[in-house]
Amino acid sequence: MDCFEEKFVNESNIELLWKKLREIQAEFPIRFDNYNVSEAESLCFYKQIQYIAELRWNGREINDEISFGGSYSSIPKMNIKQFEYYMYYRTRMLDSNYFMPSWNGYVYTFLFELSTGIENVSIEEINAILDYWRHITENSNDYIYSGLNHKVLQWK
């Protein structure tokens, strides 16, 4: 992490971080499937999450989300623009802004990240996040959130 001063990532170093995450990904023989997660993808995701755990976005505000859907979303399935938005999104979420709606792929990735236990988030905070997302998915006809409700109830 030597190229990330003070543990921040922004427009000037996102490509360096992306390159490192792709190097990590090259260690795993991943075959992507939109309906399942392979063991290799899970291990890759965990190793990538370990690498970015202490990094936070300190670049510009990003108001234009790049679409990213799917029930089994993870960093290995993102492109660099989606990852840049994810870094922005996860920083806002980790700063206790848990009520930031987004595409379900970012939500799933963030919840999967929290489930690894790498981030210092209490059970109470995780339950608050799950309650909020359950509320959104129960009361929304928006396709972005369809499918989340069932999974959130399972996680809870």
C-alpha atoms as a PDB file:
ATOM      1  CA  MET A   1       0.000   0.000   0.000  1.00  0.00           C
ATOM      2  CA  ASP A   2       3.031   2.194  -0.256  1.00  0.00           C
ATOM      3  CA  CYS A   3       1.615   4.153  -3.229  1.00  0.00           C
ATOM      4  CA  PHE A   4      -1.377   5.348  -1.180  1.00  0.00           C
ATOM      5  CA  GLU A   5      -0.343   8.225   1.057  1.00  0.00           C
ATOM      6  CA  GLU A   6      -2.284   8.408   4.270  1.00  0.00           C
ATOM      7  CA  LYS A   7      -4.485   5.504   3.128  1.00  0.00           C
ATOM      8  CA  PHE A   8      -6.519   7.524   0.641  1.00  0.00           C
ATOM      9  CA  VAL A   9      -7.490   6.795  -2.923  1.00  0.00           C
ATOM     10  CA  ASN A  10      -8.716   9.302  -5.495  1.00  0.00           C
ATOM     11  CA  GLU A  11      -8.619  10.106  -9.207  1.00  0.00           C
ATOM     12  CA  SER A  12      -4.825  10.383  -9.210  1.00  0.00           C
ATOM     13  CA  ASN A  13      -4.119   6.873  -7.882  1.00  0.00           C
ATOM     14  CA  ILE A  14      -7.241   4.797  -8.635  1.00  0.00           C
ATOM     15  CA  GLU A  15      -5.537   3.200 -11.647  1.00  0.00           C
ATOM     16  CA  LEU A  16      -2.623   2.045  -9.467  1.00  0.00           C
ATOM     17  CA  LEU A  17      -5.047   0.460  -7.028  1.00  0.00           C
ATOM     18  CA  TRP A  18      -7.015  -1.117  -9.869  1.00  0.00           C
ATOM     19  CA  LYS A  19      -3.807  -2.588 -11.309  1.00  0.00           C
ATOM     20  CA  LYS A  20      -2.921  -4.107  -7.920  1.00  0.00           C
ATOM     21  CA  LEU A  21      -6.394  -5.633  -7.552  1.00  0.00           C
ATOM     22  CA  ARG A  22      -6.110  -7.146 -11.036  1.00  0.00           C
ATOM     23  CA  GLU A  23      -2.723  -8.621 -10.053  1.00  0.00           C
ATOM     24  CA  ILE A  24      -4.426 -10.232  -7.063  1.00  0.00           C
ATOM     25  CA  GLN A  25      -7.216 -11.477  -9.308  1.00  0.00           C
ATOM     26  CA  ALA A  26      -4.703 -13.063 -11.702  1.00  0.00           C
ATOM     27  CA  GLU A  27      -3.743 -15.456  -8.891  1.00  0.00           C
ATOM     28  CA  PHE A  28      -7.194 -17.063  -8.998  1.00  0.00           C
ATOM     29  CA  PRO A  29      -8.741 -19.129 -11.826  1.00  0.00           C
ATOM     30  CA  ILE A  30     -12.123 -17.388 -11.825  1.00  0.00           C
ATOM     31  CA  ARG A  31     -14.993 -18.442 -14.065  1.00  0.00           C
ATOM     32  CA  PHE A  32     -17.753 -15.890 -13.607  1.00  0.00           C
ATOM     33  CA  ASP A  33     -21.341 -16.985 -13.174  1.00  0.00           C
ATOM     34  CA  ASN A  34     -24.176 -14.528 -12.527  1.00  0.00           C
ATOM     35  CA  TYR A  35     -26.016 -17.062 -10.361  1.00  0.00           C
ATOM     36  CA  ASN A  36     -23.235 -18.486  -8.209  1.00  0.00           C
ATOM     37  CA  VAL A  37     -19.918 -17.539  -6.690  1.00  0.00           C
ATOM     38  CA  SER A  38     -17.009 -19.912  -7.137  1.00  0.00           C
ATOM     39  CA  GLU A  39     -14.554 -20.623  -4.350  1.00  0.00           C
ATOM     40  CA  ALA A  40     -11.843 -18.898  -6.406  1.00  0.00           C
ATOM     41  CA  GLU A  41     -13.979 -15.757  -6.750  1.00  0.00           C
ATOM     42  CA  SER A  42     -14.717 -15.749  -3.003  1.00  0.00           C
ATOM     43  CA  LEU A  43     -11.037 -16.100  -2.118  1.00  0.00           C
ATOM     44  CA  CYS A  44     -10.090 -13.390  -4.609  1.00  0.00           C
ATOM     45  CA  PHE A  45     -12.745 -11.044  -3.222  1.00  0.00           C
ATOM     46  CA  TYR A  46     -11.528 -11.651   0.337  1.00  0.00           C
ATOM     47  CA  LYS A  47      -7.905 -10.983  -0.606  1.00  0.00           C
ATOM     48  CA  GLN A  48      -8.905  -7.806  -2.490  1.00  0.00           C
ATOM     49  CA  ILE A  49     -11.017  -6.612   0.459  1.00  0.00           C
ATOM     50  CA  GLN A  50      -8.062  -7.187   2.770  1.00  0.00           C
ATOM     51  CA  TYR A  51      -5.941  -5.028   0.485  1.00  0.00           C
ATOM     52  CA  ILE A  52      -8.394  -2.103   0.371  1.00  0.00           C
ATOM     53  CA  ALA A  53      -9.697  -2.388   3.953  1.00  0.00           C
ATOM     54  CA  GLU A  54      -7.964   0.716   5.267  1.00  0.00           C
ATOM     55  CA  LEU A  55      -8.280   2.786   2.093  1.00  0.00           C
ATOM     56  CA  ARG A  56     -10.852   5.565   1.850  1.00  0.00           C
ATOM     57  CA  TRP A  57     -11.955   7.742  -1.054  1.00  0.00           C
ATOM     58  CA  ASN A  58     -10.902  11.367  -0.738  1.00  0.00           C
ATOM     59  CA  GLY A  59     -11.449  12.446  -4.332  1.00  0.00           C
ATOM     60  CA  ARG A  60     -14.247  14.390  -5.943  1.00  0.00           C
ATOM     61  CA  GLU A  61     -17.906  13.793  -5.191  1.00  0.00           C
ATOM     62  CA  ILE A  62     -19.261  11.224  -7.622  1.00  0.00           C
ATOM     63  CA  ASN A  63     -22.860  11.959  -8.498  1.00  0.00           C
ATOM     64  CA  ASP A  64     -23.198   9.749 -11.556  1.00  0.00           C
ATOM     65  CA  GLU A  65     -23.316   6.115 -10.539  1.00  0.00           C
ATOM     66  CA  ILE A  66     -22.247   3.530 -13.057  1.00  0.00           C
ATOM     67  CA  SER A  67     -24.849   0.770 -13.165  1.00  0.00           C
ATOM     68  CA  PHE A  68     -23.781  -2.426 -11.406  1.00  0.00           C
ATOM     69  CA  GLY A  69     -26.360  -5.104 -10.720  1.00  0.00           C
ATOM     70  CA  GLY A  70     -26.483  -8.726  -9.802  1.00  0.00           C
ATOM     71  CA  SER A  71     -27.115 -10.802  -6.722  1.00  0.00           C
ATOM     72  CA  TYR A  72     -23.595 -12.173  -6.632  1.00  0.00           C
ATOM     73  CA  SER A  73     -21.648  -8.981  -7.115  1.00  0.00           C
ATOM     74  CA  SER A  74     -18.037  -8.499  -6.102  1.00  0.00           C
ATOM     75  CA  ILE A  75     -14.937  -6.513  -6.953  1.00  0.00           C
ATOM     76  CA  PRO A  76     -13.670  -9.120  -9.446  1.00  0.00           C
ATOM     77  CA  LYS A  77     -16.827  -8.500 -11.526  1.00  0.00           C
ATOM     78  CA  MET A  78     -16.399  -4.703 -11.633  1.00  0.00           C
ATOM     79  CA  ASN A  79     -14.747  -2.563 -14.264  1.00  0.00           C
ATOM     80  CA  ILE A  80     -12.525   0.349 -13.202  1.00  0.00           C
ATOM     81  CA  LYS A  81     -15.324   2.954 -13.336  1.00  0.00           C
ATOM     82  CA  GLN A  82     -17.592   0.765 -11.207  1.00  0.00           C
ATOM     83  CA  PHE A  83     -14.745   0.186  -8.768  1.00  0.00           C
ATOM     84  CA  GLU A  84     -14.051   3.913  -8.526  1.00  0.00           C
ATOM     85  CA  TYR A  85     -17.703   4.491  -7.645  1.00  0.00           C
ATOM     86  CA  TYR A  86     -17.578   1.583  -5.174  1.00  0.00           C
ATOM     87  CA  MET A  87     -14.633   3.167  -3.352  1.00  0.00           C
ATOM     88  CA  TYR A  88     -16.611   6.419  -3.129  1.00  0.00           C
ATOM     89  CA  TYR A  89     -19.776   4.570  -2.044  1.00  0.00           C
ATOM     90  CA  ARG A  90     -18.114   2.344   0.590  1.00  0.00           C
ATOM     91  CA  THR A  91     -16.295   5.344   2.088  1.00  0.00           C
ATOM     92  CA  ARG A  92     -19.631   7.165   2.491  1.00  0.00           C
ATOM     93  CA  MET A  93     -21.234   4.039   3.937  1.00  0.00           C
ATOM     94  CA  LEU A  94     -18.353   3.451   6.362  1.00  0.00           C
ATOM     95  CA  ASP A  95     -18.635   7.089   7.443  1.00  0.00           C
ATOM     96  CA  SER A  96     -22.045   6.057   8.851  1.00  0.00           C
ATOM     97  CA  ASN A  97     -24.027   7.263   5.858  1.00  0.00           C
ATOM     98  CA  TYR A  98     -25.871   3.955   5.669  1.00  0.00           C
ATOM     99  CA  PHE A  99     -28.883   5.477   4.005  1.00  0.00           C
ATOM    100  CA  MET A 100     -27.234   6.039   0.645  1.00  0.00           C
ATOM    101  CA  PRO A 101     -29.251   4.233  -2.030  1.00  0.00           C
ATOM    102  CA  SER A 102     -27.354   2.702  -4.920  1.00  0.00           C
ATOM    103  CA  TRP A 103     -27.467  -0.061  -7.520  1.00  0.00           C
ATOM    104  CA  ASN A 104     -27.949  -3.442  -5.883  1.00  0.00           C
ATOM    105  CA  GLY A 105     -24.500  -4.654  -7.023  1.00  0.00           C
ATOM    106  CA  TYR A 106     -22.800  -2.024  -4.867  1.00  0.00           C
ATOM    107  CA  VAL A 107     -25.090  -2.792  -1.938  1.00  0.00           C
ATOM    108  CA  TYR A 108     -24.403  -6.531  -2.181  1.00  0.00           C
ATOM    109  CA  THR A 109     -20.651  -5.978  -2.493  1.00  0.00           C
ATOM    110  CA  PHE A 110     -20.677  -3.706   0.550  1.00  0.00           C
ATOM    111  CA  LEU A 111     -22.742  -6.157   2.601  1.00  0.00           C
ATOM    112  CA  PHE A 112     -20.469  -9.019   1.513  1.00  0.00           C
ATOM    113  CA  GLU A 113     -17.488  -6.905   2.575  1.00  0.00           C
ATOM    114  CA  LEU A 114     -19.026  -6.293   5.999  1.00  0.00           C
ATOM    115  CA  SER A 115     -19.770 -10.001   6.379  1.00  0.00           C
ATOM    116  CA  THR A 116     -16.039 -10.789   6.126  1.00  0.00           C
ATOM    117  CA  GLY A 117     -15.457  -9.029   9.444  1.00  0.00           C
ATOM    118  CA  ILE A 118     -12.539  -7.024   8.043  1.00  0.00           C
ATOM    119  CA  GLU A 119     -14.193  -3.673   8.693  1.00  0.00           C
ATOM    120  CA  ASN A 120     -14.656  -2.545  12.278  1.00  0.00           C
ATOM    121  CA  VAL A 121     -18.452  -2.442  12.229  1.00  0.00           C
ATOM    122  CA  SER A 122     -20.563  -3.530  15.189  1.00  0.00           C
ATOM    123  CA  ILE A 123     -23.409  -6.027  15.019  1.00  0.00           C
ATOM    124  CA  GLU A 124     -25.786  -3.161  15.876  1.00  0.00           C
ATOM    125  CA  GLU A 125     -24.545  -1.157  12.882  1.00  0.00           C
ATOM    126  CA  ILE A 126     -24.871  -4.158  10.571  1.00  0.00           C
ATOM    127  CA  ASN A 127     -28.416  -4.770  11.853  1.00  0.00           C
ATOM    128  CA  ALA A 128     -29.278  -1.102  11.222  1.00  0.00           C
ATOM    129  CA  ILE A 129     -27.989  -1.413   7.658  1.00  0.00           C
ATOM    130  CA  LEU A 130     -29.943  -4.628   7.075  1.00  0.00           C
ATOM    131  CA  ASP A 131     -33.115  -3.116   8.567  1.00  0.00           C
ATOM    132  CA  TYR A 132     -32.799  -0.115   6.290  1.00  0.00           C
ATOM    133  CA  TRP A 133     -32.259  -2.211   3.161  1.00  0.00           C
ATOM    134  CA  ARG A 134     -35.118  -4.519   4.139  1.00  0.00           C
ATOM    135  CA  HIS A 135     -37.359  -1.430   4.452  1.00  0.00           C
ATOM    136  CA  ILE A 136     -36.294  -0.148   1.015  1.00  0.00           C
ATOM    137  CA  THR A 137     -36.808  -3.491  -0.687  1.00  0.00           C
ATOM    138  CA  GLU A 138     -40.194  -4.103   0.908  1.00  0.00           C
ATOM    139  CA  ASN A 139     -41.519  -0.695  -0.115  1.00  0.00           C
ATOM    140  CA  SER A 140     -40.038  -0.307  -3.565  1.00  0.00           C
ATOM    141  CA  ASN A 141     -41.197  -1.427  -6.957  1.00  0.00           C
ATOM    142  CA  ASP A 142     -37.871  -0.303  -8.364  1.00  0.00           C
ATOM    143  CA  TYR A 143     -36.093  -3.157 -10.158  1.00  0.00           C
ATOM    144  CA  ILE A 144     -32.750  -2.035  -8.695  1.00  0.00           C
ATOM    145  CA  TYR A 145     -33.809  -3.310  -5.270  1.00  0.00           C
ATOM    146  CA  SER A 146     -35.844  -6.328  -6.317  1.00  0.00           C
ATOM    147  CA  GLY A 147     -34.401  -9.509  -4.881  1.00  0.00           C
ATOM    148  CA  LEU A 148     -32.636  -7.793  -1.990  1.00  0.00           C
ATOM    149  CA  ASN A 149     -35.465  -8.251   0.486  1.00  0.00           C
ATOM    150  CA  HIS A 150     -35.296 -12.048   0.497  1.00  0.00           C
ATOM    151  CA  LYS A 151     -31.514 -12.077   0.958  1.00  0.00           C
ATOM    152  CA  VAL A 152     -31.576  -9.411   3.673  1.00  0.00           C
ATOM    153  CA  LEU A 153     -34.108 -11.426   5.659  1.00  0.00           C
ATOM    154  CA  GLN A 154     -31.849 -14.471   5.326  1.00  0.00           C
ATOM    155  CA  TRP A 155     -28.790 -12.527   6.506  1.00  0.00           C
ATOM    156  CA  LYS A 156     -30.674 -11.007   9.442  1.00  0.00           C
END
